[in-house]
Amino acid sequence: MTEPSLPRTPFRLAVTGGGTGGHTYPALTAVRALQARLAAEDRSLDVLWIGAAEGLEAKVAREEGIPFTTVATGKIRRYANPLKMLGPANLKDMARVPLGVVQARRAISAFGPDVVLATGGYVAVPAGFAARTCKRPLVLHEQTVRLGLANRRLARSATRIAVSSESSLPLLPEGVRTRAVVTGNPVRPEVLAGHADKAVAALGLTGFDRRLPTLYVTGGAQGAQQINDLIGSVLPWLLGRANVVHQCGPSHIDALRVSAAALPPDLGDRYFPTGFVGAELPDILALADVVISRSGAGTLAELTALGKPAVFVPLASSAGNEQAHNARHLRDAGAALALEGEAATPEGLREAVEPLLTDPAQREAMATAAREHGRPDAAARLVDVILSAAG
């Protein structure tokens, strides 16, 4: 008689990072990918998410049924004047970090993770430092071209550093480059599986002329007044050349519907403003031939994985000006266009987008360049890094 096999020990992963979707969703995608990989090997995954009670990560962990624990955090506000870095708000928050490290160390010691995965945001700092003191492997994942402030602080404590682009490697501190590997930025699998016809049916886009290219405009979940104003100023011109799906943000939709009602019927039928895009996003992206958007790391990962030509309008106030660096990275590779500062005008937008709408060859050339920078297998690559760090 053969002895019954004992159940294999679950892999234990502590995740830290969040504050925004750019840090939270890559972590969630990595967790799902790791869970699927382990399930294929007849193993299970135990996860503990360490974050801030008020952060997006708390909401996401709750919705996913992931155990969550909070730690004290300190947000460092960055200023051009270094003396302002020592202002009362920063000093108060920095004083909270040691308490957060103690709390995170207690949580990590009790959980006993095989690996700690940190995806950035100030909430990752206490748990990242605690991983080192608990002698647990620490894997950092950086979504942007430049290493974020939290990951810069944690880099020397990391076992492995996963970056999203080859151009990030020379920007790392010299002493940690040998621990770095290019994985890309994890993209949710559903984003890559959209169908254009489903978008037409779900949104009722019966007035769209499918002989024309479709432009998708988005300012993120809340919309972007700057992008909305740019689109509004050239809308009749755009609609003469393309169908337009415009995700404008819930607080802007009423004003845009009034503007849409004033359009001539032949143009108005090709314009679809919406406050929010949810589950239909993959299908809208499949329908889109060109995208106008901000240039957050998650957006870049999705658009390059899909090979979508894009015109980026970076958010000027993004931390460390990271959106501008992201946009320039793809612009310099011929994989996107970027409208920054004084170039972000109606005239600048027309000049940028017209060749992409009127010349299919230019559109395809940019799509090809974008695909060359895309990594649809980024989640699988990051799982490889996590498992190798545990080994």
Protein backbone atom coordinates (compact mmCIF):
# COMPACT_ATOMS: atom_id res chain seq x y z
CA MET A 1 0.00 0.00 0.00
CA THR A 2 1.22 3.48 -0.80
CA GLU A 3 1.22 6.16 1.84
CA PRO A 4 -1.29 8.99 1.21
CA SER A 5 0.48 12.15 0.08
CA LEU A 6 0.51 14.99 2.56
CA PRO A 7 -0.96 18.34 1.47
CA ARG A 8 1.69 20.71 0.22
CA THR A 9 2.43 23.75 2.36
CA PRO A 10 0.71 26.92 1.11
CA PHE A 11 2.94 29.62 -0.33
CA ARG A 12 2.68 32.70 1.86
CA LEU A 13 2.91 36.15 0.29
CA ALA A 14 2.78 39.47 2.12
CA VAL A 15 1.82 42.32 -0.18
CA THR A 16 2.37 45.98 0.58
CA GLY A 17 1.75 49.01 -1.57
CA GLY A 18 -1.15 51.17 -2.61
CA GLY A 19 -2.66 54.58 -2.14
CA THR A 20 -3.49 54.75 -5.84
CA GLY A 21 -4.58 52.30 -8.50
CA GLY A 22 -1.14 52.53 -10.09
CA HIS A 23 0.37 50.76 -7.07
CA THR A 24 -2.64 48.66 -6.05
CA TYR A 25 -3.79 46.96 -9.23
CA PRO A 26 -0.38 45.61 -10.32
CA ALA A 27 -0.13 43.99 -6.88
CA LEU A 28 -3.59 42.47 -7.23
CA THR A 29 -2.82 41.19 -10.73
CA ALA A 30 0.39 39.61 -9.43
CA VAL A 31 -1.51 37.92 -6.59
CA ARG A 32 -4.04 36.45 -9.03
CA ALA A 33 -1.28 35.26 -11.38
CA LEU A 34 0.67 33.66 -8.53
CA GLN A 35 -2.48 31.96 -7.26
CA ALA A 36 -3.12 30.49 -10.73
CA ARG A 37 0.49 29.32 -11.08
CA LEU A 38 0.43 27.58 -7.71
CA ALA A 39 -2.97 26.01 -8.36
CA ALA A 40 -1.55 24.41 -11.51
CA GLU A 41 1.08 22.82 -9.24
CA ASP A 42 -1.57 21.70 -6.73
CA ARG A 43 -0.47 24.32 -4.21
CA SER A 44 -2.43 27.06 -2.50
CA LEU A 45 -1.62 30.69 -1.72
CA ASP A 46 -2.07 32.54 1.56
CA VAL A 47 -1.91 36.34 1.24
CA LEU A 48 -1.69 39.15 3.77
CA TRP A 49 -2.00 42.72 2.49
CA ILE A 50 -0.32 45.39 4.61
CA GLY A 51 -1.54 48.90 3.89
CA ALA A 52 -3.32 52.03 5.06
CA ALA A 53 -6.92 51.93 6.27
CA GLU A 54 -7.87 54.88 4.07
CA GLY A 55 -6.02 53.67 0.97
CA LEU A 56 -7.49 52.09 -2.17
CA GLU A 57 -5.68 48.89 -1.23
CA ALA A 58 -7.99 48.41 1.78
CA LYS A 59 -11.07 48.51 -0.46
CA VAL A 60 -9.54 46.19 -3.07
CA ALA A 61 -8.36 43.67 -0.47
CA ARG A 62 -11.81 43.61 1.12
CA GLU A 63 -13.51 43.05 -2.25
CA GLU A 64 -11.08 40.23 -3.07
CA GLY A 65 -11.39 38.56 0.31
CA ILE A 66 -7.70 39.11 1.09
CA PRO A 67 -6.80 39.46 4.80
CA PHE A 68 -5.70 43.03 5.46
CA THR A 69 -3.80 44.71 8.26
CA THR A 70 -3.08 48.39 8.72
CA VAL A 71 0.12 50.13 9.75
CA ALA A 72 0.98 53.73 10.54
CA THR A 73 2.30 55.53 7.48
CA GLY A 74 3.90 58.84 6.67
CA LYS A 75 3.39 60.60 3.37
CA ILE A 76 6.38 62.68 2.28
CA ARG A 77 5.30 65.81 0.40
CA ARG A 78 7.81 66.83 -2.24
CA TYR A 79 8.68 70.44 -3.07
CA ALA A 80 11.08 72.14 -5.45
CA ASN A 81 12.51 74.01 -2.43
CA PRO A 82 14.35 71.43 -0.26
CA LEU A 83 13.75 73.50 2.89
CA LYS A 84 10.00 72.95 2.53
CA MET A 85 10.63 69.21 2.84
CA LEU A 86 11.25 69.90 6.55
CA GLY A 87 7.86 71.51 7.05
CA PRO A 88 5.60 70.54 9.97
CA ALA A 89 3.42 68.14 7.94
CA ASN A 90 6.40 66.14 6.65
CA LEU A 91 8.10 66.04 10.05
CA LYS A 92 4.89 64.79 11.66
CA ASP A 93 4.43 62.08 9.05
CA MET A 94 8.07 60.99 9.11
CA ALA A 95 7.75 60.48 12.86
CA ARG A 96 5.01 57.91 12.17
CA VAL A 97 7.25 55.67 10.05
CA PRO A 98 9.11 54.00 12.98
CA LEU A 99 5.74 53.07 14.55
CA GLY A 100 4.65 51.65 11.20
CA VAL A 101 7.82 49.56 10.98
CA VAL A 102 7.15 48.10 14.44
CA GLN A 103 3.56 47.28 13.47
CA ALA A 104 4.62 45.78 10.14
CA ARG A 105 7.34 43.72 11.78
CA ARG A 106 4.78 42.30 14.20
CA ALA A 107 2.47 41.40 11.30
CA ILE A 108 5.22 39.84 9.18
CA SER A 109 6.63 37.84 12.08
CA ALA A 110 3.19 36.43 12.84
CA PHE A 111 2.34 35.67 9.20
CA GLY A 112 5.72 34.22 8.22
CA PRO A 113 5.70 35.04 4.48
CA ASP A 114 7.92 33.29 1.96
CA VAL A 115 8.23 36.64 0.18
CA VAL A 116 7.18 40.25 0.75
CA LEU A 117 6.09 42.04 -2.44
CA ALA A 118 6.20 45.86 -2.35
CA THR A 119 4.65 47.78 -5.24
CA GLY A 120 5.31 51.34 -4.10
CA GLY A 121 3.45 54.18 -2.46
CA TYR A 122 4.45 55.59 0.91
CA VAL A 123 2.50 52.79 2.65
CA ALA A 124 5.07 50.27 1.39
CA VAL A 125 7.97 51.77 3.34
CA PRO A 126 7.23 50.37 6.84
CA ALA A 127 6.56 46.83 5.59
CA GLY A 128 9.57 46.94 3.29
CA PHE A 129 11.90 47.85 6.14
CA ALA A 130 10.20 45.26 8.35
CA ALA A 131 10.86 42.54 5.76
CA ARG A 132 14.57 43.19 6.11
CA THR A 133 14.57 43.09 9.90
CA CYS A 134 12.50 39.87 9.79
CA LYS A 135 14.97 38.41 7.26
CA ARG A 136 12.26 37.77 4.66
CA PRO A 137 12.96 38.13 0.92
CA LEU A 138 11.73 41.49 -0.38
CA VAL A 139 10.72 41.92 -4.02
CA LEU A 140 10.12 45.46 -5.22
CA HIS A 141 8.06 46.22 -8.29
CA GLU A 142 8.37 49.61 -9.97
CA GLN A 143 5.68 50.66 -12.44
CA THR A 144 7.16 53.94 -13.71
CA VAL A 145 10.27 54.63 -15.76
CA ARG A 146 11.98 56.20 -12.75
CA LEU A 147 12.12 54.51 -9.37
CA GLY A 148 9.49 56.04 -7.07
CA LEU A 149 10.42 57.59 -3.74
CA ALA A 150 9.28 54.59 -1.66
CA ASN A 151 11.13 52.08 -3.84
CA ARG A 152 14.26 54.25 -3.81
CA ARG A 153 14.25 54.06 -0.01
CA LEU A 154 13.77 50.29 -0.07
CA ALA A 155 16.08 49.42 -2.98
CA ARG A 156 19.12 48.50 -0.89
CA SER A 157 16.99 46.17 1.26
CA ALA A 158 15.51 44.34 -1.72
CA THR A 159 16.30 40.79 -2.75
CA ARG A 160 15.07 41.48 -6.28
CA ILE A 161 13.86 44.63 -8.04
CA ALA A 162 11.38 44.19 -10.88
CA VAL A 163 11.17 47.15 -13.25
CA SER A 164 8.82 47.84 -16.12
CA SER A 165 11.30 49.04 -18.72
CA GLU A 166 14.89 48.49 -19.80
CA SER A 167 15.38 52.24 -19.65
CA SER A 168 14.88 52.06 -15.88
CA LEU A 169 18.01 49.95 -15.33
CA PRO A 170 20.64 52.70 -15.71
CA LEU A 171 18.57 54.94 -13.41
CA LEU A 172 18.86 52.50 -10.51
CA PRO A 173 21.51 53.01 -7.81
CA GLU A 174 24.63 51.30 -9.11
CA GLY A 175 24.87 48.95 -6.16
CA VAL A 176 21.47 47.34 -6.79
CA ARG A 177 21.47 46.95 -10.58
CA THR A 178 22.60 43.32 -10.40
CA ARG A 179 19.40 42.55 -8.46
CA ALA A 180 17.14 44.13 -11.08
CA VAL A 181 15.12 42.33 -13.73
CA VAL A 182 12.77 43.72 -16.39
CA THR A 183 9.30 42.24 -16.01
CA GLY A 184 7.01 44.96 -17.33
CA ASN A 185 3.98 46.26 -15.46
CA PRO A 186 1.27 43.61 -14.85
CA VAL A 187 -1.88 44.14 -16.91
CA ARG A 188 -5.20 42.59 -15.95
CA PRO A 189 -5.86 39.68 -18.36
CA GLU A 190 -9.39 40.90 -19.07
CA VAL A 191 -8.00 44.14 -20.54
CA LEU A 192 -6.32 42.09 -23.27
CA ALA A 193 -9.47 40.16 -24.18
CA GLY A 194 -11.87 42.86 -25.40
CA HIS A 195 -14.11 42.75 -28.48
CA ALA A 196 -14.94 45.87 -30.49
CA ASP A 197 -18.41 44.66 -31.48
CA LYS A 198 -19.31 44.16 -27.81
CA ALA A 199 -18.53 47.83 -27.14
CA VAL A 200 -20.77 48.91 -30.02
CA ALA A 201 -23.62 46.76 -28.73
CA ALA A 202 -23.20 47.54 -25.01
CA LEU A 203 -22.94 51.31 -25.47
CA GLY A 204 -25.47 51.54 -28.30
CA LEU A 205 -23.00 53.12 -30.71
CA THR A 206 -25.31 52.63 -33.70
CA GLY A 207 -24.49 56.07 -35.08
CA PHE A 208 -20.77 55.36 -35.33
CA ASP A 209 -19.34 55.19 -38.85
CA ARG A 210 -17.11 52.12 -38.73
CA ARG A 211 -15.34 53.31 -41.89
CA LEU A 212 -13.80 56.04 -39.71
CA PRO A 213 -11.25 55.44 -36.95
CA THR A 214 -12.51 55.52 -33.36
CA LEU A 215 -10.85 57.77 -30.80
CA TYR A 216 -11.06 56.93 -27.10
CA VAL A 217 -10.53 59.90 -24.77
CA THR A 218 -10.08 59.36 -21.03
CA GLY A 219 -8.95 61.41 -18.09
CA GLY A 220 -9.09 58.56 -15.58
CA ALA A 221 -11.91 57.57 -13.27
CA GLN A 222 -12.64 61.15 -12.18
CA GLY A 223 -11.98 62.69 -15.57
CA ALA A 224 -9.54 65.48 -16.32
CA GLN A 225 -10.76 69.04 -16.83
CA GLN A 226 -7.71 69.86 -18.96
CA ILE A 227 -8.41 67.01 -21.38
CA ASN A 228 -12.15 67.72 -21.42
CA ASP A 229 -11.50 71.35 -22.32
CA LEU A 230 -9.09 70.38 -25.10
CA ILE A 231 -11.58 67.94 -26.60
CA GLY A 232 -14.45 70.40 -26.30
CA SER A 233 -12.50 73.06 -28.18
CA VAL A 234 -11.89 70.81 -31.22
CA LEU A 235 -14.86 68.43 -31.01
CA PRO A 236 -16.60 69.28 -34.33
CA TRP A 237 -13.23 69.06 -36.07
CA LEU A 238 -12.54 65.66 -34.47
CA LEU A 239 -15.98 64.30 -35.35
CA GLY A 240 -15.38 65.16 -38.98
CA ARG A 241 -12.55 62.62 -38.93
CA ALA A 242 -13.43 60.03 -36.27
CA ASN A 243 -15.93 58.49 -33.93
CA VAL A 244 -15.27 59.58 -30.33
CA VAL A 245 -15.88 57.76 -27.04
CA HIS A 246 -15.18 60.32 -24.31
CA GLN A 247 -14.85 59.20 -20.68
CA CYS A 248 -15.05 62.58 -18.99
CA GLY A 249 -15.65 61.87 -15.28
CA PRO A 250 -18.98 61.82 -13.39
CA SER A 251 -18.84 65.50 -12.44
CA HIS A 252 -18.39 66.63 -16.05
CA ILE A 253 -20.91 64.49 -17.91
CA ASP A 254 -23.92 66.85 -17.70
CA ALA A 255 -22.04 69.75 -19.28
CA LEU A 256 -20.72 67.57 -22.08
CA ARG A 257 -24.17 66.17 -22.84
CA VAL A 258 -25.40 69.74 -23.31
CA SER A 259 -22.53 70.38 -25.73
CA ALA A 260 -23.27 67.12 -27.55
CA ALA A 261 -26.93 68.07 -27.99
CA ALA A 262 -25.87 71.23 -29.84
CA LEU A 263 -23.88 69.29 -32.46
CA PRO A 264 -25.28 68.74 -35.94
CA PRO A 265 -26.98 65.31 -36.02
CA ASP A 266 -24.48 63.75 -38.42
CA LEU A 267 -21.65 64.65 -36.00
CA GLY A 268 -23.53 64.12 -32.76
CA ASP A 269 -24.26 60.50 -33.69
CA ARG A 270 -20.52 59.83 -33.71
CA TYR A 271 -19.92 61.23 -30.20
CA PHE A 272 -20.48 59.18 -27.04
CA PRO A 273 -19.68 61.00 -23.77
CA THR A 274 -19.79 58.93 -20.57
CA GLY A 275 -18.97 59.76 -16.98
CA PHE A 276 -17.38 56.44 -16.08
CA VAL A 277 -16.11 53.34 -17.83
CA GLY A 278 -16.15 50.07 -15.90
CA ALA A 279 -16.37 46.48 -17.11
CA GLU A 280 -16.74 47.63 -20.71
CA LEU A 281 -13.20 49.10 -20.81
CA PRO A 282 -11.58 46.08 -22.56
CA ASP A 283 -14.17 46.26 -25.34
CA ILE A 284 -13.77 50.03 -25.73
CA LEU A 285 -10.00 49.61 -25.99
CA ALA A 286 -10.51 46.91 -28.61
CA LEU A 287 -12.71 49.33 -30.57
CA ALA A 288 -10.29 52.27 -30.25
CA ASP A 289 -7.81 53.02 -33.02
CA VAL A 290 -6.24 55.97 -31.15
CA VAL A 291 -6.28 56.97 -27.47
CA ILE A 292 -5.92 60.38 -25.81
CA SER A 293 -5.18 60.09 -22.09
CA ARG A 294 -3.01 60.86 -19.11
CA SER A 295 0.24 58.89 -18.93
CA GLY A 296 0.11 56.97 -15.67
CA ALA A 297 2.08 53.75 -15.51
CA GLY A 298 -0.99 51.52 -15.66
CA THR A 299 -2.28 53.29 -18.75
CA LEU A 300 1.07 52.90 -20.50
CA ALA A 301 1.18 49.20 -19.66
CA GLU A 302 -2.29 48.58 -21.06
CA LEU A 303 -1.86 50.62 -24.24
CA THR A 304 1.54 49.16 -25.13
CA ALA A 305 0.37 45.61 -24.40
CA LEU A 306 -2.50 46.23 -26.82
CA GLY A 307 -0.42 48.21 -29.32
CA LYS A 308 -2.57 51.35 -29.27
CA PRO A 309 -1.31 54.64 -30.75
CA ALA A 310 -1.68 57.31 -28.10
CA VAL A 311 -1.47 61.06 -27.53
CA PHE A 312 -0.56 61.65 -23.89
CA VAL A 313 -1.40 64.77 -21.89
CA PRO A 314 0.67 64.18 -18.71
CA LEU A 315 -0.66 65.28 -15.35
CA ALA A 316 1.73 68.08 -14.40
CA SER A 317 1.24 67.56 -10.66
CA SER A 318 2.03 63.83 -10.63
CA ALA A 319 4.56 62.75 -8.01
CA GLY A 320 8.11 63.36 -9.20
CA ASN A 321 6.68 64.47 -12.56
CA GLU A 322 6.50 60.75 -13.35
CA GLN A 323 3.73 61.07 -15.95
CA ALA A 324 5.89 63.38 -18.06
CA HIS A 325 8.81 60.96 -17.86
CA ASN A 326 6.53 58.08 -18.85
CA ALA A 327 5.16 59.98 -21.84
CA ARG A 328 8.59 61.10 -23.02
CA HIS A 329 9.87 57.54 -22.81
CA LEU A 330 7.32 56.32 -25.35
CA ARG A 331 7.47 59.50 -27.42
CA ASP A 332 11.21 59.13 -27.88
CA ALA A 333 10.64 55.55 -29.06
CA GLY A 334 8.05 56.63 -31.62
CA ALA A 335 5.39 54.72 -29.66
CA ALA A 336 3.25 57.73 -28.65
CA LEU A 337 3.01 61.52 -28.80
CA ALA A 338 3.16 63.82 -25.79
CA LEU A 339 1.57 67.22 -25.22
CA GLU A 340 3.26 68.97 -22.31
CA GLY A 341 3.07 72.48 -20.95
CA GLU A 342 2.48 75.08 -23.64
CA ALA A 343 2.07 72.37 -26.29
CA ALA A 344 -1.18 71.20 -24.66
CA THR A 345 -3.38 73.55 -26.71
CA PRO A 346 -6.21 72.94 -29.17
CA GLU A 347 -3.80 73.63 -32.02
CA GLY A 348 -1.24 71.26 -30.54
CA LEU A 349 -3.85 68.54 -30.16
CA ARG A 350 -5.06 68.91 -33.75
CA GLU A 351 -1.50 68.80 -35.06
CA ALA A 352 -0.74 65.67 -33.02
CA VAL A 353 -3.85 63.65 -33.67
CA GLU A 354 -4.67 64.48 -37.31
CA PRO A 355 -1.98 62.23 -38.90
CA LEU A 356 -3.09 59.33 -36.70
CA LEU A 357 -6.72 59.73 -37.75
CA THR A 358 -6.15 60.35 -41.45
CA ASP A 359 -3.14 58.15 -42.27
CA PRO A 360 -3.54 54.42 -41.50
CA ALA A 361 0.15 53.82 -42.24
CA GLN A 362 1.26 56.28 -39.54
CA ARG A 363 -1.24 54.79 -37.16
CA GLU A 364 0.07 51.27 -37.76
CA ALA A 365 3.71 52.38 -37.43
CA MET A 366 3.00 53.84 -34.00
CA ALA A 367 0.98 50.77 -33.03
CA THR A 368 3.93 48.55 -33.96
CA ALA A 369 6.32 50.68 -31.90
CA ALA A 370 3.92 50.57 -28.95
CA ARG A 371 3.67 46.77 -29.11
CA GLU A 372 7.47 46.54 -29.03
CA HIS A 373 7.34 48.21 -25.60
CA GLY A 374 4.39 46.20 -24.35
CA ARG A 375 4.72 43.21 -22.04
CA PRO A 376 1.41 41.36 -21.88
CA ASP A 377 3.20 38.58 -19.95
CA ALA A 378 4.41 40.96 -17.21
CA ALA A 379 2.38 39.29 -14.46
CA ALA A 380 3.89 35.89 -15.30
CA ARG A 381 7.37 37.41 -15.30
CA LEU A 382 6.78 39.00 -11.90
CA VAL A 383 5.57 35.65 -10.55
CA ASP A 384 8.84 34.11 -11.75
CA VAL A 385 10.74 36.75 -9.76
CA ILE A 386 8.65 36.17 -6.62
CA LEU A 387 9.16 32.41 -6.76
CA SER A 388 12.89 32.71 -7.43
CA ALA A 389 13.26 35.10 -4.49
CA ALA A 390 11.58 32.54 -2.25
CA GLY A 391 13.90 29.85 -3.50
